[in-house]
PDB file of N, CA and C in Angstrom:
ATOM      1  N   THR A   1     -20.124-112.014 -27.798  1.00  0.00           N
ATOM      2  CA  THR A   1     -20.221-110.569 -27.782  1.00  0.00           C
ATOM      3  C   THR A   1     -18.826-109.980 -27.600  1.00  0.00           C
ATOM      4  N   THR A   2     -18.484-109.047 -28.448  1.00  0.00           N
ATOM      5  CA  THR A   2     -17.199-108.366 -28.369  1.00  0.00           C
ATOM      6  C   THR A   2     -17.435-106.920 -27.985  1.00  0.00           C
ATOM      7  N   ILE A   3     -16.697-106.462 -27.001  1.00  0.00           N
ATOM      8  CA  ILE A   3     -16.811-105.061 -26.591  1.00  0.00           C
ATOM      9  C   ILE A   3     -15.953-104.217 -27.517  1.00  0.00           C
ATOM     10  N   ARG A   4     -16.526-103.167 -28.053  1.00  0.00           N
ATOM     11  CA  ARG A   4     -15.827-102.256 -28.955  1.00  0.00           C
ATOM     12  C   ARG A   4     -15.781-100.869 -28.335  1.00  0.00           C
ATOM     13  N   LYS A   5     -14.742-100.135 -28.661  1.00  0.00           N
ATOM     14  CA  LYS A   5     -14.634 -98.752 -28.214  1.00  0.00           C
ATOM     15  C   LYS A   5     -14.885 -97.860 -29.423  1.00  0.00           C
ATOM     16  N   TYR A   6     -15.896 -97.036 -29.337  1.00  0.00           N
ATOM     17  CA  TYR A   6     -16.229 -96.113 -30.401  1.00  0.00           C
ATOM     18  C   TYR A   6     -15.854 -94.704 -29.961  1.00  0.00           C
ATOM     19  N   SER A   7     -15.445 -93.885 -30.919  1.00  0.00           N
ATOM     20  CA  SER A   7     -15.149 -92.492 -30.598  1.00  0.00           C
ATOM     21  C   SER A   7     -15.431 -91.633 -31.821  1.00  0.00           C
ATOM     22  N   PHE A   8     -15.533 -90.349 -31.580  1.00  0.00           N
ATOM     23  CA  PHE A   8     -15.768 -89.379 -32.639  1.00  0.00           C
ATOM     24  C   PHE A   8     -15.111 -88.077 -32.232  1.00  0.00           C
ATOM     25  N   THR A   9     -14.457 -87.422 -33.177  1.00  0.00           N
ATOM     26  CA  THR A   9     -13.874 -86.115 -32.928  1.00  0.00           C
ATOM     27  C   THR A   9     -14.534 -85.113 -33.857  1.00  0.00           C
ATOM     28  N   ASP A  10     -15.179 -84.129 -33.289  1.00  0.00           N
ATOM     29  CA  ASP A  10     -15.811 -83.054 -34.047  1.00  0.00           C
ATOM     30  C   ASP A  10     -14.716 -82.084 -34.464  1.00  0.00           C
ATOM     31  N   GLN A  11     -14.424 -82.016 -35.753  1.00  0.00           N
ATOM     32  CA  GLN A  11     -13.348 -81.157 -36.249  1.00  0.00           C
ATOM     33  C   GLN A  11     -13.724 -79.675 -36.228  1.00  0.00           C
ATOM     34  N   SER A  12     -15.004 -79.366 -36.105  1.00  0.00           N
ATOM     35  CA  SER A  12     -15.467 -77.975 -36.042  1.00  0.00           C
ATOM     36  C   SER A  12     -16.486 -77.824 -34.916  1.00  0.00           C
ATOM     37  N   PRO A  13     -16.054 -77.985 -33.671  1.00  0.00           N
ATOM     38  CA  PRO A  13     -17.024 -77.916 -32.573  1.00  0.00           C
ATOM     39  C   PRO A  13     -17.601 -76.518 -32.417  1.00  0.00           C
ATOM     40  N   LEU A  14     -18.858 -76.463 -32.019  1.00  0.00           N
ATOM     41  CA  LEU A  14     -19.508 -75.191 -31.751  1.00  0.00           C
ATOM     42  C   LEU A  14     -19.055 -74.668 -30.399  1.00  0.00           C
ATOM     43  N   THR A  15     -19.065 -73.363 -30.235  1.00  0.00           N
ATOM     44  CA  THR A  15     -18.742 -72.773 -28.947  1.00  0.00           C
ATOM     45  C   THR A  15     -19.896 -73.033 -27.991  1.00  0.00           C
ATOM     46  N   GLY A  16     -19.556 -73.384 -26.767  1.00  0.00           N
ATOM     47  CA  GLY A  16     -20.584 -73.632 -25.761  1.00  0.00           C
ATOM     48  C   GLY A  16     -20.825 -75.108 -25.568  1.00  0.00           C
ATOM     49  N   ARG A  17     -22.011 -75.425 -25.111  1.00  0.00           N
ATOM     50  CA  ARG A  17     -22.369 -76.804 -24.784  1.00  0.00           C
ATOM     51  C   ARG A  17     -22.979 -77.490 -26.003  1.00  0.00           C
ATOM     52  N   SER A  18     -22.501 -78.693 -26.294  1.00  0.00           N
ATOM     53  CA  SER A  18     -23.037 -79.503 -27.384  1.00  0.00           C
ATOM     54  C   SER A  18     -23.389 -80.878 -26.843  1.00  0.00           C
ATOM     55  N   LEU A  19     -24.343 -81.524 -27.494  1.00  0.00           N
ATOM     56  CA  LEU A  19     -24.740 -82.878 -27.132  1.00  0.00           C
ATOM     57  C   LEU A  19     -24.400 -83.801 -28.293  1.00  0.00           C
ATOM     58  N   TYR A  20     -23.810 -84.966 -27.980  1.00  0.00           N
ATOM     59  CA  TYR A  20     -23.408 -85.915 -29.004  1.00  0.00           C
ATOM     60  C   TYR A  20     -23.954 -87.294 -28.670  1.00  0.00           C
ATOM     61  N   ARG A  21     -24.291 -88.037 -29.730  1.00  0.00           N
ATOM     62  CA  ARG A  21     -24.716 -89.422 -29.594  1.00  0.00           C
ATOM     63  C   ARG A  21     -24.218 -90.165 -30.829  1.00  0.00           C
ATOM     64  N   LEU A  22     -23.623 -91.331 -30.639  1.00  0.00           N
ATOM     65  CA  LEU A  22     -23.131 -92.140 -31.747  1.00  0.00           C
ATOM     66  C   LEU A  22     -24.171 -93.178 -32.150  1.00  0.00           C
ATOM     67  N   LYS A  23     -24.272 -93.402 -33.450  1.00  0.00           N
ATOM     68  CA  LYS A  23     -25.046 -94.532 -33.965  1.00  0.00           C
ATOM     69  C   LYS A  23     -24.012 -95.581 -34.368  1.00  0.00           C
ATOM     70  N   MET A  24     -24.028 -96.717 -33.680  1.00  0.00           N
ATOM     71  CA  MET A  24     -23.021 -97.758 -33.889  1.00  0.00           C
ATOM     72  C   MET A  24     -23.647 -98.872 -34.723  1.00  0.00           C
ATOM     73  N   VAL A  25     -23.147 -99.029 -35.954  1.00  0.00           N
ATOM     74  CA  VAL A  25     -23.702 -99.999 -36.894  1.00  0.00           C
ATOM     75  C   VAL A  25     -22.761-101.197 -36.990  1.00  0.00           C
ATOM     76  N   ASP A  26     -23.299-102.393 -36.778  1.00  0.00           N
ATOM     77  CA  ASP A  26     -22.520-103.623 -36.883  1.00  0.00           C
ATOM     78  C   ASP A  26     -22.490-104.109 -38.328  1.00  0.00           C
ATOM     79  N   GLN A  27     -21.661-105.113 -38.582  1.00  0.00           N
ATOM     80  CA  GLN A  27     -21.516-105.645 -39.935  1.00  0.00           C
ATOM     81  C   GLN A  27     -22.808-106.249 -40.465  1.00  0.00           C
ATOM     82  N   ASP A  28     -23.685-106.716 -39.596  1.00  0.00           N
ATOM     83  CA  ASP A  28     -24.963-107.275 -40.038  1.00  0.00           C
ATOM     84  C   ASP A  28     -26.056-106.208 -40.136  1.00  0.00           C
ATOM     85  N   ASN A  29     -25.641-104.935 -40.101  1.00  0.00           N
ATOM     86  CA  ASN A  29     -26.521-103.760 -40.219  1.00  0.00           C
ATOM     87  C   ASN A  29     -27.430-103.537 -39.024  1.00  0.00           C
ATOM     88  N   THR A  30     -27.260-104.283 -37.948  1.00  0.00           N
ATOM     89  CA  THR A  30     -27.975-103.933 -36.723  1.00  0.00           C
ATOM     90  C   THR A  30     -27.259-102.739 -36.110  1.00  0.00           C
ATOM     91  N   PHE A  31     -27.982-101.966 -35.331  1.00  0.00           N
ATOM     92  CA  PHE A  31     -27.356-100.773 -34.768  1.00  0.00           C
ATOM     93  C   PHE A  31     -27.881-100.498 -33.374  1.00  0.00           C
ATOM     94  N   ALA A  32     -27.125 -99.678 -32.681  1.00  0.00           N
ATOM     95  CA  ALA A  32     -27.504 -99.219 -31.345  1.00  0.00           C
ATOM     96  C   ALA A  32     -26.998 -97.796 -31.201  1.00  0.00           C
ATOM     97  N   TYR A  33     -27.629 -97.052 -30.308  1.00  0.00           N
ATOM     98  CA  TYR A  33     -27.207 -95.681 -30.044  1.00  0.00           C
ATOM     99  C   TYR A  33     -26.458 -95.618 -28.717  1.00  0.00           C
ATOM    100  N   SER A  34     -25.438 -94.789 -28.684  1.00  0.00           N
ATOM    101  CA  SER A  34     -24.706 -94.579 -27.435  1.00  0.00           C
ATOM    102  C   SER A  34     -25.513 -93.672 -26.519  1.00  0.00           C
ATOM    103  N   VAL A  35     -25.041 -93.558 -25.293  1.00  0.00           N
ATOM    104  CA  VAL A  35     -25.643 -92.575 -24.401  1.00  0.00           C
ATOM    105  C   VAL A  35     -25.278 -91.183 -24.912  1.00  0.00           C
ATOM    106  N   ILE A  36     -26.086 -90.212 -24.587  1.00  0.00           N
ATOM    107  CA  ILE A  36     -25.823 -88.832 -25.000  1.00  0.00           C
ATOM    108  C   ILE A  36     -24.747 -88.247 -24.097  1.00  0.00           C
ATOM    109  N   ARG A  37     -23.748 -87.617 -24.715  1.00  0.00           N
ATOM    110  CA  ARG A  37     -22.650 -86.989 -23.974  1.00  0.00           C
ATOM    111  C   ARG A  37     -22.733 -85.478 -24.124  1.00  0.00           C
ATOM    112  N   ARG A  38     -22.556 -84.785 -23.005  1.00  0.00           N
ATOM    113  CA  ARG A  38     -22.532 -83.321 -22.991  1.00  0.00           C
ATOM    114  C   ARG A  38     -21.069 -82.888 -23.082  1.00  0.00           C
ATOM    115  N   VAL A  39     -20.777 -81.987 -24.025  1.00  0.00           N
ATOM    116  CA  VAL A  39     -19.412 -81.506 -24.226  1.00  0.00           C
ATOM    117  C   VAL A  39     -19.422 -79.988 -24.182  1.00  0.00           C
ATOM    118  N   ASN A  40     -18.536 -79.426 -23.374  1.00  0.00           N
ATOM    119  CA  ASN A  40     -18.418 -77.976 -23.254  1.00  0.00           C
ATOM    120  C   ASN A  40     -17.101 -77.549 -23.886  1.00  0.00           C
ATOM    121  N   THR A  41     -17.157 -76.754 -24.949  1.00  0.00           N
ATOM    122  CA  THR A  41     -15.936 -76.300 -25.616  1.00  0.00           C
ATOM    123  C   THR A  41     -15.602 -74.856 -25.274  1.00  0.00           C
ATOM    124  N   GLU A  42     -16.308 -74.277 -24.324  1.00  0.00           N
ATOM    125  CA  GLU A  42     -15.988 -72.915 -23.904  1.00  0.00           C
ATOM    126  C   GLU A  42     -14.762 -72.875 -23.007  1.00  0.00           C
ATOM    127  N   GLY A  43     -14.459 -73.957 -22.373  1.00  0.00           N
ATOM    128  CA  GLY A  43     -13.269 -74.006 -21.562  1.00  0.00           C
ATOM    129  C   GLY A  43     -13.514 -73.931 -20.079  1.00  0.00           C
ATOM    130  N   ARG A  44     -14.672 -73.552 -19.631  1.00  0.00           N
ATOM    131  CA  ARG A  44     -14.987 -73.450 -18.216  1.00  0.00           C
ATOM    132  C   ARG A  44     -13.831 -72.873 -17.419  1.00  0.00           C
ATOM    133  N   GLY A  45     -13.041 -71.997 -18.024  1.00  0.00           N
ATOM    134  CA  GLY A  45     -11.935 -71.386 -17.315  1.00  0.00           C
ATOM    135  C   GLY A  45     -10.647 -72.178 -17.379  1.00  0.00           C
ATOM    136  N   ILE A  46     -10.628 -73.322 -18.051  1.00  0.00           N
ATOM    137  CA  ILE A  46      -9.396 -74.096 -18.185  1.00  0.00           C
ATOM    138  C   ILE A  46      -8.597 -73.539 -19.358  1.00  0.00           C
ATOM    139  N   ALA A  47      -7.320 -73.316 -19.123  1.00  0.00           N
ATOM    140  CA  ALA A  47      -6.437 -72.815 -20.171  1.00  0.00           C
ATOM    141  C   ALA A  47      -5.170 -73.655 -20.202  1.00  0.00           C
ATOM    142  N   LEU A  48      -4.553 -73.717 -21.373  1.00  0.00           N
ATOM    143  CA  LEU A  48      -3.285 -74.418 -21.552  1.00  0.00           C
ATOM    144  C   LEU A  48      -2.178 -73.386 -21.649  1.00  0.00           C
ATOM    145  N   TYR A  49      -1.042 -73.673 -21.026  1.00  0.00           N
ATOM    146  CA  TYR A  49       0.107 -72.793 -21.206  1.00  0.00           C
ATOM    147  C   TYR A  49       1.387 -73.593 -21.055  1.00  0.00           C
ATOM    148  N   PRO A  50       2.447 -73.253 -21.748  1.00  0.00           N
ATOM    149  CA  PRO A  50       2.408 -72.322 -22.875  1.00  0.00           C
ATOM    150  C   PRO A  50       1.678 -72.966 -24.055  1.00  0.00           C
ATOM    151  N   ASN A  51       1.136 -72.173 -24.894  1.00  0.00           N
ATOM    152  CA  ASN A  51       0.454 -72.651 -26.091  1.00  0.00           C
ATOM    153  C   ASN A  51       0.684 -71.637 -27.202  1.00  0.00           C
ATOM    154  N   PRO A  52       1.577 -71.906 -28.116  1.00  0.00           N
ATOM    155  CA  PRO A  52       2.217 -73.154 -28.490  1.00  0.00           C
ATOM    156  C   PRO A  52       3.192 -73.662 -27.429  1.00  0.00           C
ATOM    157  N   ALA A  53       3.333 -74.991 -27.390  1.00  0.00           N
ATOM    158  CA  ALA A  53       4.214 -75.656 -26.427  1.00  0.00           C
ATOM    159  C   ALA A  53       5.307 -76.410 -27.172  1.00  0.00           C
ATOM    160  N   ALA A  54       6.430 -76.641 -26.475  1.00  0.00           N
ATOM    161  CA  ALA A  54       7.532 -77.387 -27.070  1.00  0.00           C
ATOM    162  C   ALA A  54       7.841 -78.656 -26.281  1.00  0.00           C
ATOM    163  N   GLU A  55       7.844 -78.560 -24.941  1.00  0.00           N
ATOM    164  CA  GLU A  55       8.221 -79.707 -24.117  1.00  0.00           C
ATOM    165  C   GLU A  55       7.115 -80.155 -23.170  1.00  0.00           C
ATOM    166  N   PHE A  56       6.554 -79.217 -22.417  1.00  0.00           N
ATOM    167  CA  PHE A  56       5.477 -79.515 -21.477  1.00  0.00           C
ATOM    168  C   PHE A  56       4.360 -78.501 -21.671  1.00  0.00           C
ATOM    169  N   VAL A  57       3.130 -78.927 -21.404  1.00  0.00           N
ATOM    170  CA  VAL A  57       1.997 -78.011 -21.380  1.00  0.00           C
ATOM    171  C   VAL A  57       1.299 -78.213 -20.039  1.00  0.00           C
ATOM    172  N   LYS A  58       0.955 -77.103 -19.405  1.00  0.00           N
ATOM    173  CA  LYS A  58       0.284 -77.149 -18.105  1.00  0.00           C
ATOM    174  C   LYS A  58      -1.178 -76.759 -18.257  1.00  0.00           C
ATOM    175  N   LEU A  59      -1.989 -77.238 -17.318  1.00  0.00           N
ATOM    176  CA  LEU A  59      -3.406 -76.903 -17.276  1.00  0.00           C
ATOM    177  C   LEU A  59      -3.616 -75.860 -16.201  1.00  0.00           C
ATOM    178  N   ASP A  60      -4.281 -74.782 -16.547  1.00  0.00           N
ATOM    179  CA  ASP A  60      -4.611 -73.739 -15.585  1.00  0.00           C
ATOM    180  C   ASP A  60      -6.122 -73.705 -15.432  1.00  0.00           C
ATOM    181  N   GLY A  61      -6.596 -73.681 -14.204  1.00  0.00           N
ATOM    182  CA  GLY A  61      -8.033 -73.613 -13.963  1.00  0.00           C
ATOM    183  C   GLY A  61      -8.636 -74.924 -13.509  1.00  0.00           C
ATOM    184  N   ILE A  62      -7.809 -75.952 -13.376  1.00  0.00           N
ATOM    185  CA  ILE A  62      -8.273 -77.237 -12.856  1.00  0.00           C
ATOM    186  C   ILE A  62      -7.121 -77.869 -12.075  1.00  0.00           C
ATOM    187  N   ALA A  63      -7.432 -78.380 -10.909  1.00  0.00           N
ATOM    188  CA  ALA A  63      -6.411 -79.036 -10.083  1.00  0.00           C
ATOM    189  C   ALA A  63      -6.065 -80.391 -10.691  1.00  0.00           C
ATOM    190  N   PRO A  64      -4.783 -80.757 -10.714  1.00  0.00           N
ATOM    191  CA  PRO A  64      -4.411 -82.068 -11.263  1.00  0.00           C
ATOM    192  C   PRO A  64      -5.193 -83.224 -10.635  1.00  0.00           C
ATOM    193  N   ALA A  65      -5.528 -83.126  -9.352  1.00  0.00           N
ATOM    194  CA  ALA A  65      -6.280 -84.195  -8.682  1.00  0.00           C
ATOM    195  C   ALA A  65      -7.723 -84.289  -9.172  1.00  0.00           C
ATOM    196  N   SER A  66      -8.220 -83.246  -9.853  1.00  0.00           N
ATOM    197  CA  SER A  66      -9.594 -83.240 -10.367  1.00  0.00           C
ATOM    198  C   SER A  66      -9.704 -83.830 -11.767  1.00  0.00           C
ATOM    199  N   VAL A  67      -8.573 -84.187 -12.361  1.00  0.00           N
ATOM    200  CA  VAL A  67      -8.558 -84.706 -13.729  1.00  0.00           C
ATOM    201  C   VAL A  67      -8.729 -86.220 -13.705  1.00  0.00           C
ATOM    202  N   LYS A  68      -9.714 -86.702 -14.454  1.00  0.00           N
ATOM    203  CA  LYS A  68      -9.937 -88.143 -14.574  1.00  0.00           C
ATOM    204  C   LYS A  68      -9.159 -88.709 -15.755  1.00  0.00           C
ATOM    205  N   ASN A  69      -9.131 -87.959 -16.862  1.00  0.00           N
ATOM    206  CA  ASN A  69      -8.486 -88.445 -18.077  1.00  0.00           C
ATOM    207  C   ASN A  69      -8.062 -87.264 -18.943  1.00  0.00           C
ATOM    208  N   VAL A  70      -6.912 -87.408 -19.580  1.00  0.00           N
ATOM    209  CA  VAL A  70      -6.431 -86.429 -20.556  1.00  0.00           C
ATOM    210  C   VAL A  70      -6.101 -87.194 -21.824  1.00  0.00           C
ATOM    211  N   GLU A  71      -6.563 -86.672 -22.962  1.00  0.00           N
ATOM    212  CA  GLU A  71      -6.271 -87.303 -24.243  1.00  0.00           C
ATOM    213  C   GLU A  71      -5.908 -86.219 -25.238  1.00  0.00           C
ATOM    214  N   ILE A  72      -4.883 -86.475 -26.043  1.00  0.00           N
ATOM    215  CA  ILE A  72      -4.491 -85.558 -27.108  1.00  0.00           C
ATOM    216  C   ILE A  72      -4.761 -86.258 -28.428  1.00  0.00           C
ATOM    217  N   LEU A  73      -5.479 -85.550 -29.307  1.00  0.00           N
ATOM    218  CA  LEU A  73      -5.849 -86.095 -30.610  1.00  0.00           C
ATOM    219  C   LEU A  73      -5.164 -85.309 -31.713  1.00  0.00           C
ATOM    220  N   SER A  74      -4.697 -86.018 -32.737  1.00  0.00           N
ATOM    221  CA  SER A  74      -4.111 -85.359 -33.899  1.00  0.00           C
ATOM    222  C   SER A  74      -5.214 -84.674 -34.703  1.00  0.00           C
ATOM    223  N   HIS A  75      -4.815 -83.933 -35.728  1.00  0.00           N
ATOM    224  CA  HIS A  75      -5.798 -83.200 -36.541  1.00  0.00           C
ATOM    225  C   HIS A  75      -6.794 -84.126 -37.234  1.00  0.00           C
ATOM    226  N   ASN A  76      -6.436 -85.399 -37.415  1.00  0.00           N
ATOM    227  CA  ASN A  76      -7.368 -86.333 -38.052  1.00  0.00           C
ATOM    228  C   ASN A  76      -8.056 -87.267 -37.055  1.00  0.00           C
ATOM    229  N   GLY A  77      -8.002 -86.905 -35.764  1.00  0.00           N
ATOM    230  CA  GLY A  77      -8.766 -87.623 -34.750  1.00  0.00           C
ATOM    231  C   GLY A  77      -8.101 -88.839 -34.141  1.00  0.00           C
ATOM    232  N   ILE A  78      -6.830 -89.060 -34.440  1.00  0.00           N
ATOM    233  CA  ILE A  78      -6.118 -90.210 -33.877  1.00  0.00           C
ATOM    234  C   ILE A  78      -5.573 -89.847 -32.498  1.00  0.00           C
ATOM    235  N   SER A  79      -5.811 -90.710 -31.527  1.00  0.00           N
ATOM    236  CA  SER A  79      -5.314 -90.483 -30.175  1.00  0.00           C
ATOM    237  C   SER A  79      -3.805 -90.699 -30.157  1.00  0.00           C
ATOM    238  N   VAL A  80      -3.058 -89.650 -29.771  1.00  0.00           N
ATOM    239  CA  VAL A  80      -1.596 -89.731 -29.740  1.00  0.00           C
ATOM    240  C   VAL A  80      -1.054 -89.696 -28.316  1.00  0.00           C
ATOM    241  N   TYR A  81      -1.926 -89.433 -27.346  1.00  0.00           N
ATOM    242  CA  TYR A  81      -1.515 -89.390 -25.944  1.00  0.00           C
ATOM    243  C   TYR A  81      -2.751 -89.607 -25.089  1.00  0.00           C
ATOM    244  N   GLN A  82      -2.603 -90.403 -24.032  1.00  0.00           N
ATOM    245  CA  GLN A  82      -3.706 -90.594 -23.091  1.00  0.00           C
ATOM    246  C   GLN A  82      -3.123 -90.877 -21.717  1.00  0.00           C
ATOM    247  N   SER A  83      -3.715 -90.270 -20.695  1.00  0.00           N
ATOM    248  CA  SER A  83      -3.245 -90.467 -19.330  1.00  0.00           C
ATOM    249  C   SER A  83      -4.397 -90.252 -18.362  1.00  0.00           C
ATOM    250  N   THR A  84      -4.323 -90.937 -17.238  1.00  0.00           N
ATOM    251  CA  THR A  84      -5.315 -90.755 -16.180  1.00  0.00           C
ATOM    252  C   THR A  84      -4.771 -89.889 -15.060  1.00  0.00           C
ATOM    253  N   ALA A  85      -3.573 -89.359 -15.237  1.00  0.00           N
ATOM    254  CA  ALA A  85      -2.971 -88.502 -14.211  1.00  0.00           C
ATOM    255  C   ALA A  85      -2.240 -87.345 -14.874  1.00  0.00           C
ATOM    256  N   VAL A  86      -2.253 -86.202 -14.203  1.00  0.00           N
ATOM    257  CA  VAL A  86      -1.518 -85.031 -14.669  1.00  0.00           C
ATOM    258  C   VAL A  86      -0.572 -84.623 -13.551  1.00  0.00           C
ATOM    259  N   SER A  87       0.710 -84.545 -13.866  1.00  0.00           N
ATOM    260  CA  SER A  87       1.681 -84.148 -12.840  1.00  0.00           C
ATOM    261  C   SER A  87       1.688 -82.630 -12.703  1.00  0.00           C
ATOM    262  N   THR A  88       2.296 -82.153 -11.647  1.00  0.00           N
ATOM    263  CA  THR A  88       2.402 -80.702 -11.452  1.00  0.00           C
ATOM    264  C   THR A  88       3.330 -80.076 -12.485  1.00  0.00           C
ATOM    265  N   GLU A  89       4.191 -80.878 -13.119  1.00  0.00           N
ATOM    266  CA  GLU A  89       5.065 -80.378 -14.186  1.00  0.00           C
ATOM    267  C   GLU A  89       4.304 -80.180 -15.484  1.00  0.00           C
ATOM    268  N   GLY A  90       3.159 -80.799 -15.607  1.00  0.00           N
ATOM    269  CA  GLY A  90       2.361 -80.683 -16.815  1.00  0.00           C
ATOM    270  C   GLY A  90       2.380 -81.962 -17.633  1.00  0.00           C
ATOM    271  N   ILE A  91       1.985 -81.837 -18.878  1.00  0.00           N
ATOM    272  CA  ILE A  91       1.898 -82.964 -19.797  1.00  0.00           C
ATOM    273  C   ILE A  91       3.112 -82.921 -20.711  1.00  0.00           C
ATOM    274  N   ASP A  92       3.841 -84.018 -20.780  1.00  0.00           N
ATOM    275  CA  ASP A  92       5.042 -84.110 -21.606  1.00  0.00           C
ATOM    276  C   ASP A  92       4.630 -84.260 -23.071  1.00  0.00           C
ATOM    277  N   VAL A  93       4.952 -83.259 -23.892  1.00  0.00           N
ATOM    278  CA  VAL A  93       4.587 -83.283 -25.310  1.00  0.00           C
ATOM    279  C   VAL A  93       5.822 -83.338 -26.209  1.00  0.00           C
ATOM    280  N   LYS A  94       6.985 -83.665 -25.640  1.00  0.00           N
ATOM    281  CA  LYS A  94       8.231 -83.688 -26.413  1.00  0.00           C
ATOM    282  C   LYS A  94       8.191 -84.686 -27.566  1.00  0.00           C
ATOM    283  N   LYS A  95       7.444 -85.773 -27.414  1.00  0.00           N
ATOM    284  CA  LYS A  95       7.406 -86.810 -28.452  1.00  0.00           C
ATOM    285  C   LYS A  95       6.422 -86.498 -29.574  1.00  0.00           C
ATOM    286  N   LEU A  96       5.619 -85.450 -29.407  1.00  0.00           N
ATOM    287  CA  LEU A  96       4.631 -85.103 -30.429  1.00  0.00           C
ATOM    288  C   LEU A  96       5.274 -84.268 -31.528  1.00  0.00           C
ATOM    289  N   ALA A  97       4.899 -84.548 -32.759  1.00  0.00           N
ATOM    290  CA  ALA A  97       5.395 -83.773 -33.896  1.00  0.00           C
ATOM    291  C   ALA A  97       4.786 -82.375 -33.865  1.00  0.00           C
ATOM    292  N   PRO A  98       5.497 -81.374 -34.378  1.00  0.00           N
ATOM    293  CA  PRO A  98       4.909 -80.033 -34.460  1.00  0.00           C
ATOM    294  C   PRO A  98       3.597 -80.068 -35.246  1.00  0.00           C
ATOM    295  N   GLY A  99       2.632 -79.289 -34.786  1.00  0.00           N
ATOM    296  CA  GLY A  99       1.346 -79.236 -35.464  1.00  0.00           C
ATOM    297  C   GLY A  99       0.227 -78.877 -34.511  1.00  0.00           C
ATOM    298  N   ALA A 100      -1.007 -78.982 -35.013  1.00  0.00           N
ATOM    299  CA  ALA A 100      -2.200 -78.636 -34.237  1.00  0.00           C
ATOM    300  C   ALA A 100      -2.853 -79.909 -33.708  1.00  0.00           C
ATOM    301  N   TYR A 101      -3.312 -79.843 -32.458  1.00  0.00           N
ATOM    302  CA  TYR A 101      -3.920 -80.976 -31.778  1.00  0.00           C
ATOM    303  C   TYR A 101      -5.142 -80.502 -30.998  1.00  0.00           C
ATOM    304  N   LEU A 102      -5.961 -81.459 -30.570  1.00  0.00           N
ATOM    305  CA  LEU A 102      -7.040 -81.206 -29.620  1.00  0.00           C
ATOM    306  C   LEU A 102      -6.689 -81.919 -28.328  1.00  0.00           C
ATOM    307  N   LEU A 103      -6.790 -81.212 -27.211  1.00  0.00           N
ATOM    308  CA  LEU A 103      -6.544 -81.799 -25.903  1.00  0.00           C
ATOM    309  C   LEU A 103      -7.886 -81.915 -25.201  1.00  0.00           C
ATOM    310  N   LYS A 104      -8.269 -83.134 -24.849  1.00  0.00           N
ATOM    311  CA  LYS A 104      -9.551 -83.391 -24.190  1.00  0.00           C
ATOM    312  C   LYS A 104      -9.292 -83.705 -22.728  1.00  0.00           C
ATOM    313  N   ILE A 105      -9.942 -82.960 -21.849  1.00  0.00           N
ATOM    314  CA  ILE A 105      -9.799 -83.138 -20.409  1.00  0.00           C
ATOM    315  C   ILE A 105     -11.153 -83.575 -19.863  1.00  0.00           C
ATOM    316  N   THR A 106     -11.181 -84.702 -19.165  1.00  0.00           N
ATOM    317  CA  THR A 106     -12.391 -85.154 -18.489  1.00  0.00           C
ATOM    318  C   THR A 106     -12.142 -85.047 -16.994  1.00  0.00           C
ATOM    319  N   ASP A 107     -13.041 -84.325 -16.293  1.00  0.00           N
ATOM    320  CA  ASP A 107     -12.850 -84.194 -14.848  1.00  0.00           C
ATOM    321  C   ASP A 107     -13.565 -85.328 -14.111  1.00  0.00           C
ATOM    322  N   LEU A 108     -13.412 -85.352 -12.804  1.00  0.00           N
ATOM    323  CA  LEU A 108     -13.980 -86.435 -11.996  1.00  0.00           C
ATOM    324  C   LEU A 108     -15.500 -86.476 -12.036  1.00  0.00           C
ATOM    325  N   ASN A 109     -16.151 -85.360 -12.412  1.00  0.00           N
ATOM    326  CA  ASN A 109     -17.609 -85.323 -12.536  1.00  0.00           C
ATOM    327  C   ASN A 109     -18.079 -85.778 -13.911  1.00  0.00           C
ATOM    328  N   GLY A 110     -17.131 -86.084 -14.814  1.00  0.00           N
ATOM    329  CA  GLY A 110     -17.484 -86.524 -16.157  1.00  0.00           C
ATOM    330  C   GLY A 110     -17.603 -85.412 -17.170  1.00  0.00           C
ATOM    331  N   ALA A 111     -17.392 -84.151 -16.754  1.00  0.00           N
ATOM    332  CA  ALA A 111     -17.465 -83.034 -17.695  1.00  0.00           C
ATOM    333  C   ALA A 111     -16.254 -83.079 -18.619  1.00  0.00           C
ATOM    334  N   LEU A 112     -16.507 -82.899 -19.902  1.00  0.00           N
ATOM    335  CA  LEU A 112     -15.455 -82.939 -20.915  1.00  0.00           C
ATOM    336  C   LEU A 112     -15.149 -81.533 -21.381  1.00  0.00           C
ATOM    337  N   ASN A 113     -13.871 -81.197 -21.440  1.00  0.00           N
ATOM    338  CA  ASN A 113     -13.417 -79.891 -21.891  1.00  0.00           C
ATOM    339  C   ASN A 113     -12.421 -80.120 -23.015  1.00  0.00           C
ATOM    340  N   THR A 114     -12.598 -79.416 -24.125  1.00  0.00           N
ATOM    341  CA  THR A 114     -11.713 -79.565 -25.277  1.00  0.00           C
ATOM    342  C   THR A 114     -10.992 -78.256 -25.534  1.00  0.00           C
ATOM    343  N   GLN A 115      -9.680 -78.342 -25.697  1.00  0.00           N
ATOM    344  CA  GLN A 115      -8.850 -77.170 -25.950  1.00  0.00           C
ATOM    345  C   GLN A 115      -7.980 -77.433 -27.174  1.00  0.00           C
ATOM    346  N   LYS A 116      -7.719 -76.381 -27.942  1.00  0.00           N
ATOM    347  CA  LYS A 116      -6.776 -76.482 -29.054  1.00  0.00           C
ATOM    348  C   LYS A 116      -5.368 -76.361 -28.495  1.00  0.00           C
ATOM    349  N   LEU A 117      -4.469 -77.193 -28.995  1.00  0.00           N
ATOM    350  CA  LEU A 117      -3.075 -77.202 -28.558  1.00  0.00           C
ATOM    351  C   LEU A 117      -2.193 -77.179 -29.793  1.00  0.00           C
ATOM    352  N   VAL A 118      -1.182 -76.319 -29.772  1.00  0.00           N
ATOM    353  CA  VAL A 118      -0.221 -76.243 -30.867  1.00  0.00           C
ATOM    354  C   VAL A 118       1.145 -76.644 -30.330  1.00  0.00           C
ATOM    355  N   ILE A 119       1.812 -77.547 -31.045  1.00  0.00           N
ATOM    356  CA  ILE A 119       3.177 -77.944 -30.717  1.00  0.00           C
ATOM    357  C   ILE A 119       4.089 -77.269 -31.735  1.00  0.00           C
ATOM    358  N   ALA A 120       5.057 -76.506 -31.235  1.00  0.00           N
ATOM    359  CA  ALA A 120       5.999 -75.795 -32.108  1.00  0.00           C
ATOM    360  C   ALA A 120       7.390 -75.900 -31.511  1.00  0.00           C
ATOM    361  N   ARG A 121       8.376 -76.039 -32.371  1.00  0.00           N
ATOM    362  CA  ARG A 121       9.778 -76.098 -31.905  1.00  0.00           C
ATOM    363  C   ARG A 121      10.641 -75.208 -32.757  1.00  0.00           C
TER     364      ARG A 121
END
């Protein structure tokens, strides 16, 4: 048995709460369903600043100690940044190319928050 990591990025998420479940199909056509995940794209009061960002982006509305995971995804869903900690200085985005990204924040309760992030220089 090999453990695989599956992911999906909704390129057009609906505003508010959405429920997602993956159907994972193996090469022998057997399949299994993932657990259902609740995703809130309203922001629950979390904001990014500055946005557009050039060097660092900070999270407003959530304490750094409350963050379990932060992930930044490119426009085509590729993970370009991942961290389990957020410093008080913010998230270093200097290595990211200019463009549009999705920033996914998971808090200690497992709630997922997705924000649009623009990198501009």
